[in-house]
Amino acid sequence: MKIADKISIWKNKPFDKETINRVIELEENGDELNERFHSDLEFGTGGIRGLMGVGSNRVNKYTISKFTQGIANYLNKNSKKKNKTIIIAYDNRKNSKFFSNEVAKVFSANHFNVLIFDDVRPTPLLSFSIRHFNADGGIMITASHNPPEYNGYKVYNRFGGQIVPPDDKKISESIKELNFNEIKWDNKNSNVKIIDNDIDKIYFQKIISKSVLKKNNRKNLKIVYSSLHGTGIKSVPPLLNEAGYKDINLVENQCFVDENFLNTNSSNPEDKSAFEQTIILADKINGELIITTDPDADRLGVGVRDFKRNWILLNGNQLMVLLFSFLIERKEIKNEDFFVSTTLVSTPLFEKIARKNNIEFKVCHTGFKWIADIIEKEKNKKFLCGGEESFGFLYGNEVRDKDAAGTSLLFCDMFSFLKSKGHTVISYLIEIYKEFGFYYDHLHTITKKGEKGTAEIKKQIESLRLNPPKKVAGTNISKIDDYKTGLSYFKTGKTEKLDLPKTNLIIYYLEDNSRISIRPSGTEPKIKFYINLYSKFKQTFGLKKESNNLEKRAKQIIKHFS
């Protein structure tokens, strides 16, 4: 459809006067008008995410309601169940509560029973609640860790995991078939009921019941926590407190819900600047452990002290191998049919640990929805844990998404156990490196915004696919896995078929056992370069020294792709 035709649609019913007047204003700015209408907001990566505002390429009442109508049509068409139930949760972002009510209206008008939370809640609680209430799906109004000007929602299936193919593609087709005037709204909210905090208490007890330490074995830890103005304040401190950790010190000016993220440099625990105020408070009170969570509280960031009492901010790969190793040490797993899972772009060290301990290992595409999908498909086996490099981890299957609260408790238990034995998290990490070798991980992103940026991202990745380098930063490439073609290309000229479904991902394997993975972001206008560098452990090993050496090499690799 031409932009002019789209604009014409947006200047008539069902659009309200405010929206129509805003479109008329935008017609005076051709570039801005083009950015907002050059394409339609895409349904993908388990839902939608984008900038808020008027336009077909923005998150607003009408685009979000159209997506919801498409989902309702799909579920009504593909389920014979008469009384279907949807659960809706929302985070602290601007318009999140408003959008949640609009989504509720659409589902109610389409004869769904709707359960909606009475206040902001974290994503993992929604996942837990879907299975607890035997619902047919769920919607989480959030843009996760994106900047404040973004919003959107994640779509969950009846198993509590984010939707995966073929459902996402079929839902997308259902949405594309719709016109805006086909959206149904129930303005009386006749089928909507409220969920109160009783479910939070049930969730906490379930998490605590499967923890690996008994309450009386938990040492007194001085914990510093920031929710970065997000929903984690509803889950992390109360869960830790209920489990027995009482010395929890909040960064007060970041631990109230705020749609503008007023007192933060970043709402993403992957960003070191998100830790500035937690570090200041921890130094002031001599804290031992710092924890941050993203707006919808599925991602977890952790900081611990090194041997010189300086703060080390653990990356997502380090977090998952530490927790996996701890679970192996604390649980009796040898005689049980456990399995673990991680994603293609996460650290190879996770697989090494699994193989060494004879634990079944399953790899999947990027995104925790794929780990959740494996858990459901392998439900006759016991899922131990799964993790991904983007600060996501899950222990057990009470939740079917990464869970910052449950992982916070597991990490505190690991810290407490190590402390009781006279060890530290860093000494434990070094022991892992001694056994398996040292991995240095770095994520490099290139951002290209707008319609032009989208085209440039596509062009750059295609160039890396069609004209791959023979060596990177002086090291030969031994193999290339191209998940778009579904083939592995070896230096010798041999090819092999890849097992996983096709997707836009390229992995370069270097002869020194290092690896570079390249893919477009599914939620932001970025190219992502996941760099995993390897070095053998030496007796002279120093974590900081070796990290600095490999950091220099990572910079050489980044320069190669710049």
Protein backbone atom coordinates (compact mmCIF):
# COMPACT_ATOMS: atom_id res chain seq x y z
CA MET A 1 0.00 0.00 0.00
CA LYS A 2 1.29 3.48 -0.88
CA ILE A 3 2.09 5.91 1.94
CA ALA A 4 -0.58 8.33 0.69
CA ASP A 5 -3.23 5.60 0.94
CA LYS A 6 -2.13 4.73 4.48
CA ILE A 7 -2.30 8.37 5.53
CA SER A 8 -5.78 8.67 4.07
CA ILE A 9 -6.94 5.71 6.18
CA TRP A 10 -5.51 7.30 9.33
CA LYS A 11 -7.51 10.49 8.71
CA ASN A 12 -10.87 8.74 9.03
CA LYS A 13 -12.76 6.50 11.45
CA PRO A 14 -12.05 4.44 13.53
CA PHE A 15 -9.23 6.87 14.35
CA ASP A 16 -10.11 9.53 16.94
CA LYS A 17 -9.87 13.29 16.43
CA GLU A 18 -6.59 13.63 18.30
CA THR A 19 -4.92 11.03 16.07
CA ILE A 20 -6.35 12.55 12.89
CA ASN A 21 -5.17 16.04 13.87
CA ARG A 22 -1.68 14.69 14.61
CA VAL A 23 -1.51 13.04 11.15
CA ILE A 24 -2.51 16.37 9.56
CA GLU A 25 0.29 18.10 11.52
CA LEU A 26 2.81 15.47 10.35
CA GLU A 27 1.92 16.16 6.71
CA GLU A 28 3.89 19.39 7.07
CA ASN A 29 7.06 17.37 7.76
CA GLY A 30 7.67 14.99 4.88
CA ASP A 31 10.66 13.19 6.40
CA GLU A 32 8.93 12.50 9.71
CA LEU A 33 5.73 11.46 7.94
CA ASN A 34 7.71 8.99 5.83
CA GLU A 35 9.44 7.50 8.90
CA ARG A 36 6.09 6.88 10.57
CA PHE A 37 4.26 5.45 7.56
CA HIS A 38 6.89 3.96 5.21
CA SER A 39 6.16 0.50 6.62
CA ASP A 40 3.89 -1.29 9.06
CA LEU A 41 5.07 -2.28 12.50
CA GLU A 42 6.25 -5.88 12.16
CA PHE A 43 5.08 -8.76 14.31
CA GLY A 44 8.15 -10.80 15.20
CA THR A 45 10.53 -12.02 17.94
CA GLY A 46 7.56 -13.15 20.01
CA GLY A 47 5.55 -9.96 19.65
CA ILE A 48 5.98 -6.30 18.76
CA ARG A 49 8.32 -3.56 19.87
CA GLY A 50 8.84 -0.06 18.57
CA LEU A 51 8.79 3.68 19.10
CA MET A 52 5.55 5.09 20.44
CA GLY A 53 3.58 7.65 18.46
CA VAL A 54 1.08 8.13 15.66
CA GLY A 55 1.65 6.11 12.49
CA SER A 56 1.57 2.62 11.03
CA ASN A 57 5.23 2.11 12.01
CA ARG A 58 4.69 3.13 15.62
CA VAL A 59 3.23 1.61 18.78
CA ASN A 60 -0.10 3.26 19.57
CA LYS A 61 -3.67 2.38 20.53
CA TYR A 62 -4.59 1.40 16.98
CA THR A 63 -1.57 -0.66 15.95
CA ILE A 64 -1.52 -2.50 19.27
CA SER A 65 -5.28 -3.16 19.06
CA LYS A 66 -4.97 -4.42 15.48
CA PHE A 67 -2.28 -6.87 16.54
CA THR A 68 -4.50 -8.00 19.41
CA GLN A 69 -7.48 -8.51 17.12
CA GLY A 70 -5.29 -10.62 14.83
CA ILE A 71 -4.20 -12.78 17.78
CA ALA A 72 -7.80 -13.15 18.96
CA ASN A 73 -8.90 -14.19 15.46
CA TYR A 74 -6.09 -16.74 15.26
CA LEU A 75 -6.86 -18.27 18.67
CA ASN A 76 -10.59 -18.38 18.00
CA LYS A 77 -9.98 -20.07 14.67
CA ASN A 78 -7.47 -22.63 15.94
CA SER A 79 -8.94 -23.59 19.31
CA LYS A 80 -12.20 -25.45 19.85
CA LYS A 81 -12.20 -24.45 23.51
CA LYS A 82 -15.26 -22.28 24.21
CA ASN A 83 -14.17 -20.35 27.30
CA LYS A 84 -10.68 -19.21 26.46
CA THR A 85 -8.66 -17.17 28.97
CA ILE A 86 -5.95 -14.59 28.38
CA ILE A 87 -3.77 -13.04 31.09
CA ILE A 88 -2.45 -9.50 30.67
CA ALA A 89 0.43 -7.92 32.59
CA TYR A 90 2.20 -4.61 32.10
CA ASP A 91 5.40 -2.88 33.18
CA ASN A 92 6.26 0.68 34.21
CA ARG A 93 6.67 2.18 30.74
CA LYS A 94 4.75 5.15 29.46
CA ASN A 95 1.28 4.07 28.27
CA SER A 96 1.77 0.47 29.48
CA LYS A 97 -1.32 0.53 31.69
CA PHE A 98 -3.34 2.28 28.97
CA PHE A 99 -2.24 -0.26 26.35
CA SER A 100 -3.05 -3.15 28.71
CA ASN A 101 -6.61 -1.86 29.06
CA GLU A 102 -6.98 -1.53 25.28
CA VAL A 103 -5.72 -5.09 24.80
CA ALA A 104 -8.18 -6.25 27.47
CA LYS A 105 -11.05 -4.51 25.65
CA VAL A 106 -10.23 -6.27 22.38
CA PHE A 107 -9.94 -9.75 23.91
CA SER A 108 -13.13 -9.19 25.91
CA ALA A 109 -15.00 -8.11 22.78
CA ASN A 110 -13.84 -11.34 21.15
CA HIS A 111 -15.39 -13.43 23.96
CA PHE A 112 -12.20 -14.20 25.91
CA ASN A 113 -12.13 -14.27 29.69
CA VAL A 114 -9.46 -11.73 30.58
CA LEU A 115 -7.37 -11.71 33.76
CA ILE A 116 -5.38 -8.51 34.19
CA PHE A 117 -2.97 -7.63 37.00
CA ASP A 118 -3.94 -4.84 39.38
CA ASP A 119 -0.54 -3.13 39.06
CA VAL A 120 2.80 -3.43 37.28
CA ARG A 121 4.30 -6.93 37.36
CA PRO A 122 7.45 -8.62 36.00
CA THR A 123 7.35 -10.78 32.88
CA PRO A 124 8.31 -14.04 34.69
CA LEU A 125 5.21 -13.75 36.89
CA LEU A 126 3.02 -13.57 33.79
CA SER A 127 4.68 -16.74 32.45
CA PHE A 128 4.11 -18.48 35.79
CA SER A 129 0.49 -17.29 35.99
CA ILE A 130 -0.46 -18.66 32.57
CA ARG A 131 0.24 -22.21 33.69
CA HIS A 132 -1.13 -21.64 37.21
CA PHE A 133 -4.52 -20.46 35.88
CA ASN A 134 -4.49 -22.90 32.95
CA ALA A 135 -4.88 -19.94 30.58
CA ASP A 136 -4.70 -20.08 26.80
CA GLY A 137 -2.03 -17.43 26.52
CA GLY A 138 -0.79 -14.12 27.81
CA ILE A 139 0.29 -10.64 26.80
CA MET A 140 3.07 -8.68 28.52
CA ILE A 141 2.99 -4.95 27.75
CA THR A 142 6.68 -4.03 27.70
CA ALA A 143 9.60 -3.06 25.53
CA SER A 144 11.95 -4.96 27.81
CA HIS A 145 15.32 -3.18 28.06
CA ASN A 146 14.76 -0.71 25.19
CA PRO A 147 14.97 3.07 25.80
CA PRO A 148 11.97 4.89 27.41
CA GLU A 149 10.47 6.02 24.10
CA TYR A 150 9.75 2.37 23.15
CA ASN A 151 6.87 0.09 24.05
CA GLY A 152 5.23 -3.05 22.71
CA TYR A 153 4.25 -6.48 23.92
CA LYS A 154 5.37 -10.05 24.22
CA VAL A 155 2.94 -12.82 23.29
CA TYR A 156 2.88 -16.04 25.34
CA ASN A 157 1.36 -19.42 24.53
CA ARG A 158 -0.57 -21.69 26.86
CA PHE A 159 2.66 -23.31 28.07
CA GLY A 160 3.94 -19.97 29.40
CA GLY A 161 6.63 -19.47 26.76
CA GLN A 162 6.82 -16.81 24.08
CA ILE A 163 5.32 -17.93 20.79
CA VAL A 164 7.56 -19.61 18.20
CA PRO A 165 7.05 -20.75 14.58
CA PRO A 166 4.72 -21.63 13.07
CA ASP A 167 2.36 -19.77 15.44
CA ASP A 168 4.14 -16.42 15.09
CA LYS A 169 3.98 -16.55 11.29
CA LYS A 170 0.32 -17.58 11.30
CA ILE A 171 -0.53 -14.78 13.74
CA SER A 172 1.36 -12.33 11.52
CA GLU A 173 -0.72 -13.47 8.54
CA SER A 174 -3.89 -13.06 10.58
CA ILE A 175 -2.91 -9.49 11.44
CA LYS A 176 -2.06 -8.57 7.84
CA GLU A 177 -5.50 -9.71 6.69
CA LEU A 178 -7.15 -7.16 9.00
CA ASN A 179 -8.32 -3.63 8.40
CA PHE A 180 -8.43 -1.17 11.28
CA ASN A 181 -12.23 -0.90 11.05
CA GLU A 182 -12.48 -4.63 11.88
CA ILE A 183 -11.09 -4.16 15.39
CA LYS A 184 -13.61 -4.93 18.15
CA TRP A 185 -13.51 -3.10 21.47
CA ASP A 186 -15.59 -3.97 24.54
CA ASN A 187 -15.73 -0.62 26.32
CA LYS A 188 -17.66 -2.14 29.23
CA ASN A 189 -14.86 -4.67 29.92
CA SER A 190 -17.54 -7.22 30.70
CA ASN A 191 -15.24 -10.26 30.66
CA VAL A 192 -12.33 -8.72 32.58
CA LYS A 193 -11.26 -9.70 36.11
CA ILE A 194 -8.39 -8.45 38.27
CA ILE A 195 -5.47 -10.53 39.61
CA ASP A 196 -4.19 -9.34 43.00
CA ASN A 197 -0.95 -10.07 44.84
CA ASP A 198 -2.03 -13.51 46.10
CA ILE A 199 -0.45 -14.97 42.94
CA ASP A 200 2.85 -13.26 43.82
CA LYS A 201 2.98 -15.15 47.10
CA ILE A 202 2.29 -18.47 45.37
CA TYR A 203 5.05 -17.72 42.84
CA PHE A 204 7.54 -16.89 45.62
CA GLN A 205 6.80 -20.12 47.47
CA LYS A 206 7.21 -22.21 44.31
CA ILE A 207 10.61 -20.63 43.61
CA ILE A 208 11.79 -21.04 47.20
CA SER A 209 10.58 -24.66 47.37
CA LYS A 210 13.01 -25.75 44.64
CA SER A 211 16.01 -23.74 45.87
CA VAL A 212 19.23 -25.63 46.55
CA LEU A 213 19.99 -24.21 50.01
CA LYS A 214 17.92 -24.54 53.16
CA LYS A 215 16.86 -21.30 54.81
CA ASN A 216 19.07 -21.81 57.86
CA ASN A 217 22.13 -22.25 55.61
CA ARG A 218 21.78 -18.81 54.06
CA LYS A 219 24.49 -16.51 55.32
CA ASN A 220 23.90 -12.87 56.11
CA LEU A 221 24.74 -11.11 52.88
CA LYS A 222 24.81 -7.35 52.45
CA ILE A 223 22.98 -7.00 49.15
CA VAL A 224 22.48 -3.78 47.18
CA TYR A 225 19.61 -3.78 44.70
CA SER A 226 18.20 -1.47 42.02
CA SER A 227 15.09 -2.11 39.95
CA LEU A 228 16.13 0.73 37.60
CA HIS A 229 12.57 2.09 38.06
CA GLY A 230 11.11 -1.18 36.71
CA THR A 231 8.95 -4.02 37.94
CA GLY A 232 11.72 -5.91 39.72
CA ILE A 233 10.87 -4.04 42.92
CA LYS A 234 7.74 -6.22 43.01
CA SER A 235 9.63 -9.50 42.89
CA VAL A 236 13.34 -9.43 43.76
CA PRO A 237 13.38 -7.87 47.28
CA PRO A 238 10.23 -9.68 48.54
CA LEU A 239 11.43 -13.05 47.20
CA LEU A 240 14.91 -12.69 48.73
CA ASN A 241 13.40 -11.50 51.99
CA GLU A 242 10.95 -14.41 52.11
CA ALA A 243 13.83 -16.81 51.44
CA GLY A 244 15.80 -15.45 54.41
CA TYR A 245 18.01 -12.70 53.01
CA LYS A 246 17.20 -9.70 55.21
CA ASP A 247 20.05 -7.25 54.57
CA ILE A 248 18.73 -5.89 51.25
CA ASN A 249 19.69 -2.26 50.63
CA LEU A 250 17.70 -0.46 47.94
CA VAL A 251 18.97 2.33 45.72
CA GLU A 252 15.97 4.38 46.81
CA ASN A 253 15.92 6.89 43.96
CA GLN A 254 15.82 4.04 41.39
CA CYS A 255 13.43 1.72 43.21
CA PHE A 256 10.16 3.49 42.58
CA VAL A 257 8.17 2.85 39.42
CA ASP A 258 8.80 5.62 36.89
CA GLU A 259 7.89 5.69 33.20
CA ASN A 260 10.72 8.09 32.32
CA PHE A 261 13.46 6.13 34.12
CA LEU A 262 14.25 9.42 35.81
CA ASN A 263 17.41 8.59 37.75
CA THR A 264 19.08 6.09 35.43
CA ASN A 265 21.73 6.36 32.73
CA SER A 266 20.42 3.10 31.28
CA SER A 267 17.60 0.67 32.10
CA ASN A 268 19.58 -2.26 30.68
CA PRO A 269 21.78 -4.37 33.02
CA GLU A 270 23.93 -5.22 29.98
CA ASP A 271 25.08 -1.58 30.09
CA LYS A 272 27.74 -0.89 32.74
CA SER A 273 26.38 2.63 33.26
CA ALA A 274 23.23 1.06 34.75
CA PHE A 275 25.33 0.07 37.79
CA GLU A 276 26.74 3.48 38.73
CA GLN A 277 24.42 4.18 41.66
CA THR A 278 24.43 0.62 42.97
CA ILE A 279 28.23 0.75 43.13
CA ILE A 280 28.16 4.11 44.95
CA LEU A 281 25.75 2.75 47.58
CA ALA A 282 27.62 -0.55 47.91
CA ASP A 283 30.91 1.26 48.53
CA LYS A 284 29.22 3.51 51.09
CA ILE A 285 27.78 0.64 53.14
CA ASN A 286 30.49 -1.95 52.38
CA GLY A 287 28.07 -4.10 50.36
CA GLU A 288 29.08 -7.57 49.17
CA LEU A 289 26.81 -8.11 46.19
CA ILE A 290 25.00 -5.78 43.77
CA ILE A 291 21.97 -6.73 41.67
CA THR A 292 20.05 -4.84 38.98
CA THR A 293 17.10 -5.85 36.82
CA ASP A 294 15.64 -4.47 33.59
CA PRO A 295 12.15 -2.88 33.36
CA ASP A 296 10.17 -6.12 33.03
CA ALA A 297 12.55 -7.96 35.40
CA ASP A 298 13.53 -10.91 33.26
CA ARG A 299 17.17 -9.81 32.76
CA LEU A 300 19.57 -9.82 35.69
CA GLY A 301 22.81 -7.92 36.18
CA VAL A 302 25.22 -8.83 39.00
CA GLY A 303 28.37 -7.29 40.43
CA VAL A 304 30.81 -8.88 42.89
CA ARG A 305 34.13 -7.85 44.42
CA ASP A 306 37.49 -9.17 43.25
CA PHE A 307 40.51 -10.00 45.42
CA LYS A 308 41.38 -6.29 45.74
CA ARG A 309 37.80 -5.36 46.68
CA ASN A 310 37.16 -3.75 43.29
CA TRP A 311 33.83 -4.36 41.58
CA ILE A 312 33.56 -6.86 38.76
CA LEU A 313 30.36 -6.70 36.69
CA LEU A 314 29.69 -10.21 35.44
CA ASN A 315 28.48 -10.63 31.88
CA GLY A 316 25.61 -12.91 30.94
CA ASN A 317 27.90 -15.75 29.86
CA GLN A 318 29.84 -15.69 33.14
CA LEU A 319 26.60 -15.61 35.10
CA MET A 320 25.22 -18.71 33.41
CA VAL A 321 28.37 -20.85 33.68
CA LEU A 322 28.75 -19.96 37.36
CA LEU A 323 25.16 -20.90 38.17
CA PHE A 324 25.29 -24.06 36.05
CA SER A 325 28.48 -25.18 37.79
CA PHE A 326 26.96 -24.44 41.19
CA LEU A 327 23.84 -26.48 40.39
CA ILE A 328 25.99 -29.42 39.33
CA GLU A 329 27.85 -29.20 42.63
CA ARG A 330 24.73 -28.86 44.81
CA LYS A 331 22.23 -31.19 43.11
CA GLU A 332 22.30 -34.97 42.77
CA ILE A 333 22.07 -35.19 38.98
CA LYS A 334 24.10 -38.23 38.00
CA ASN A 335 21.25 -40.72 38.18
CA GLU A 336 18.53 -38.47 36.75
CA ASP A 337 17.63 -37.59 33.19
CA PHE A 338 18.47 -33.86 33.28
CA PHE A 339 19.13 -31.65 30.30
CA VAL A 340 20.27 -28.06 29.83
CA SER A 341 19.93 -25.60 26.99
CA THR A 342 21.47 -22.43 25.63
CA THR A 343 21.53 -20.39 22.43
CA LEU A 344 23.88 -20.42 19.46
CA VAL A 345 25.44 -17.04 20.28
CA SER A 346 26.05 -17.82 23.96
CA THR A 347 29.38 -19.01 25.36
CA PRO A 348 30.76 -22.39 24.18
CA LEU A 349 31.85 -22.92 27.79
CA PHE A 350 28.30 -23.86 28.79
CA GLU A 351 28.35 -26.83 26.42
CA LYS A 352 31.83 -27.86 27.62
CA ILE A 353 30.59 -28.03 31.21
CA ALA A 354 27.57 -30.09 30.17
CA ARG A 355 29.65 -32.58 28.15
CA LYS A 356 32.20 -33.01 30.96
CA ASN A 357 29.41 -33.86 33.40
CA ASN A 358 27.49 -36.13 30.99
CA ILE A 359 24.46 -33.84 31.00
CA GLU A 360 22.37 -33.71 27.83
CA PHE A 361 22.94 -30.41 26.05
CA LYS A 362 20.53 -28.75 23.62
CA VAL A 363 21.37 -25.67 21.57
CA CYS A 364 18.81 -23.40 19.95
CA HIS A 365 18.40 -20.10 18.13
CA THR A 366 18.79 -16.73 19.83
CA GLY A 367 16.01 -15.82 22.23
CA PHE A 368 14.75 -17.45 25.40
CA LYS A 369 11.52 -18.45 23.67
CA TRP A 370 13.49 -21.25 21.98
CA ILE A 371 14.71 -22.58 25.33
CA ALA A 372 11.10 -22.52 26.58
CA ASP A 373 10.03 -24.39 23.45
CA ILE A 374 12.61 -27.10 24.14
CA ILE A 375 11.43 -27.41 27.76
CA GLU A 376 7.88 -28.05 26.55
CA LYS A 377 8.91 -30.49 23.83
CA GLU A 378 11.12 -32.38 26.29
CA LYS A 379 8.63 -32.29 29.18
CA ASN A 380 9.19 -35.99 29.90
CA LYS A 381 12.76 -35.12 30.85
CA LYS A 382 13.96 -32.93 33.72
CA PHE A 383 15.10 -29.45 32.76
CA LEU A 384 17.93 -28.34 35.02
CA CYS A 385 18.71 -24.85 33.72
CA GLY A 386 19.18 -22.72 30.64
CA GLY A 387 20.84 -19.43 29.88
CA GLU A 388 21.67 -16.93 27.19
CA GLU A 389 24.39 -14.33 26.83
CA SER A 390 21.93 -11.43 27.09
CA PHE A 391 21.72 -11.71 30.89
CA GLY A 392 18.96 -14.32 30.95
CA PHE A 393 18.85 -17.48 33.05
CA LEU A 394 16.24 -19.97 34.27
CA TYR A 395 16.49 -22.73 36.85
CA GLY A 396 13.67 -25.28 36.77
CA ASN A 397 10.46 -24.96 34.80
CA GLU A 398 7.99 -23.17 37.07
CA VAL A 399 8.53 -20.24 34.69
CA ARG A 400 9.03 -20.60 30.95
CA ASP A 401 11.11 -17.48 30.38
CA LYS A 402 14.26 -16.00 31.84
CA ASP A 403 13.57 -15.02 35.43
CA ALA A 404 15.57 -12.34 37.23
CA ALA A 405 13.94 -12.95 40.62
CA GLY A 406 14.45 -16.71 40.70
CA THR A 407 17.98 -16.26 39.37
CA SER A 408 18.71 -13.61 42.03
CA LEU A 409 17.86 -16.15 44.73
CA LEU A 410 20.01 -18.82 43.09
CA PHE A 411 22.93 -16.40 42.80
CA CYS A 412 22.60 -15.32 46.45
CA ASP A 413 22.55 -19.00 47.45
CA MET A 414 25.71 -19.62 45.44
CA PHE A 415 27.38 -16.57 47.02
CA SER A 416 26.28 -17.70 50.48
CA PHE A 417 27.53 -21.26 49.96
CA LEU A 418 30.91 -20.10 48.63
CA LYS A 419 31.26 -17.66 51.49
CA SER A 420 30.63 -20.46 54.02
CA LYS A 421 33.50 -22.40 52.42
CA GLY A 422 35.89 -19.43 52.43
CA HIS A 423 35.63 -18.89 48.68
CA THR A 424 34.43 -16.02 46.49
CA VAL A 425 32.53 -15.86 43.24
CA ILE A 426 35.69 -14.76 41.41
CA SER A 427 37.81 -17.58 42.84
CA TYR A 428 35.04 -20.01 41.80
CA LEU A 429 35.00 -18.55 38.28
CA ILE A 430 38.77 -18.93 38.01
CA GLU A 431 38.49 -22.59 39.01
CA ILE A 432 36.07 -23.08 36.11
CA TYR A 433 38.54 -21.40 33.74
CA LYS A 434 41.33 -23.62 35.05
CA GLU A 435 39.36 -26.69 34.06
CA PHE A 436 37.90 -25.57 30.73
CA GLY A 437 40.00 -22.66 29.45
CA PHE A 438 39.35 -18.93 29.52
CA TYR A 439 36.64 -17.28 27.41
CA TYR A 440 36.43 -13.55 26.91
CA ASP A 441 33.07 -12.36 25.61
CA HIS A 442 32.27 -9.07 23.94
CA LEU A 443 29.12 -7.79 22.25
CA HIS A 444 29.61 -5.11 19.61
CA THR A 445 26.63 -3.39 18.00
CA ILE A 446 26.24 -1.07 15.03
CA THR A 447 23.05 1.01 15.09
CA LYS A 448 21.43 2.20 11.84
CA LYS A 449 18.07 3.90 12.35
CA GLY A 450 15.18 4.56 10.01
CA GLU A 451 14.25 3.19 6.60
CA LYS A 452 17.73 3.89 5.23
CA GLY A 453 19.34 2.17 8.20
CA THR A 454 17.23 -0.96 7.73
CA ALA A 455 18.43 -1.23 4.14
CA GLU A 456 22.07 -0.69 5.19
CA ILE A 457 21.86 -3.42 7.85
CA LYS A 458 20.50 -5.88 5.31
CA LYS A 459 23.20 -4.93 2.78
CA GLN A 460 26.07 -5.26 5.27
CA ILE A 461 25.01 -8.70 6.51
CA GLU A 462 24.48 -9.94 2.94
CA SER A 463 27.97 -8.73 2.06
CA LEU A 464 29.44 -10.69 4.98
CA ARG A 465 27.48 -13.72 3.78
CA LEU A 466 28.35 -13.55 0.08
CA ASN A 467 31.92 -12.24 0.47
CA PRO A 468 33.18 -13.64 3.78
CA PRO A 469 36.74 -12.86 4.88
CA LYS A 470 39.33 -15.66 4.88
CA LYS A 471 40.86 -14.38 8.09
CA VAL A 472 39.90 -11.93 10.84
CA ALA A 473 42.47 -9.88 12.76
CA GLY A 474 45.23 -12.12 11.43
CA THR A 475 43.62 -15.46 12.30
CA ASN A 476 42.28 -17.83 9.65
CA ILE A 477 38.61 -18.79 9.52
CA SER A 478 38.27 -22.57 9.66
CA LYS A 479 34.49 -22.83 9.23
CA ILE A 480 31.43 -20.67 8.56
CA ASP A 481 27.94 -21.63 9.72
CA ASP A 482 25.33 -19.77 7.69
CA TYR A 483 21.91 -20.37 9.16
CA LYS A 484 20.19 -18.52 6.33
CA THR A 485 21.40 -21.06 3.78
CA GLY A 486 21.31 -23.85 6.38
CA LEU A 487 24.87 -24.95 5.60
CA SER A 488 28.32 -25.16 7.21
CA TYR A 489 31.19 -24.14 4.90
CA PHE A 490 34.61 -25.57 5.79
CA LYS A 491 37.99 -24.15 4.79
CA THR A 492 38.64 -27.40 2.89
CA GLY A 493 35.65 -26.71 0.63
CA LYS A 494 33.42 -29.32 2.26
CA THR A 495 29.85 -28.39 3.23
CA GLU A 496 27.45 -29.89 5.76
CA LYS A 497 23.78 -29.32 6.51
CA LEU A 498 22.91 -27.54 9.76
CA ASP A 499 20.29 -29.08 12.05
CA LEU A 500 18.40 -26.00 13.24
CA PRO A 501 15.77 -24.05 11.25
CA LYS A 502 16.95 -21.27 8.94
CA THR A 503 17.47 -17.76 10.31
CA ASN A 504 19.61 -14.72 9.53
CA LEU A 505 22.75 -15.68 11.48
CA ILE A 506 26.37 -16.14 10.41
CA ILE A 507 29.03 -17.70 12.66
CA TYR A 508 32.74 -17.49 11.82
CA TYR A 509 34.90 -20.10 13.61
CA LEU A 510 38.58 -19.12 13.92
CA GLU A 511 41.51 -21.53 14.04
CA ASP A 512 42.38 -20.47 17.61
CA ASN A 513 38.99 -21.81 18.89
CA SER A 514 37.50 -18.32 19.00
CA ARG A 515 34.18 -17.46 17.38
CA ILE A 516 32.31 -14.46 15.92
CA SER A 517 28.52 -14.55 15.46
CA ILE A 518 26.72 -11.92 13.39
CA ARG A 519 22.99 -11.24 13.20
CA PRO A 520 20.51 -8.36 12.97
CA SER A 521 18.72 -7.54 16.20
CA GLY A 522 15.13 -8.73 16.31
CA THR A 523 13.99 -5.76 18.40
CA GLU A 524 16.24 -2.79 17.53
CA PRO A 525 17.81 -1.29 14.38
CA LYS A 526 21.19 -2.92 15.04
CA ILE A 527 23.72 -5.41 13.74
CA LYS A 528 25.07 -7.51 16.60
CA PHE A 529 28.57 -9.03 16.68
CA TYR A 530 28.99 -11.65 19.44
CA ILE A 531 32.71 -12.19 19.99
CA ASN A 532 33.85 -15.25 22.00
CA LEU A 533 37.64 -15.34 22.36
CA TYR A 534 39.44 -18.34 23.82
CA SER A 535 42.82 -18.84 25.50
CA LYS A 536 44.29 -21.82 27.31
CA PHE A 537 44.65 -21.50 31.05
CA LYS A 538 48.23 -20.92 32.16
CA GLN A 539 49.76 -21.14 35.63
CA THR A 540 50.52 -17.42 35.39
CA PHE A 541 46.83 -16.71 34.68
CA GLY A 542 45.42 -13.45 36.01
CA LEU A 543 41.78 -12.67 35.26
CA LYS A 544 42.33 -8.96 34.71
CA LYS A 545 45.55 -9.44 32.73
CA GLU A 546 44.07 -12.08 30.42
CA SER A 547 40.90 -10.05 29.98
CA ASN A 548 42.95 -7.02 28.96
CA ASN A 549 44.92 -9.10 26.42
CA LEU A 550 41.80 -10.48 24.80
CA GLU A 551 40.07 -7.10 24.96
CA LYS A 552 42.80 -5.75 22.68
CA ARG A 553 42.15 -8.61 20.30
CA ALA A 554 38.40 -7.93 20.41
CA LYS A 555 39.11 -4.33 19.39
CA GLN A 556 41.09 -5.59 16.39
CA ILE A 557 38.13 -7.74 15.38
CA ILE A 558 35.71 -4.83 15.78
CA LYS A 559 37.97 -2.67 13.64
CA HIS A 560 37.90 -5.37 10.93
CA PHE A 561 34.10 -5.14 10.70
CA SER A 562 33.80 -1.36 11.08
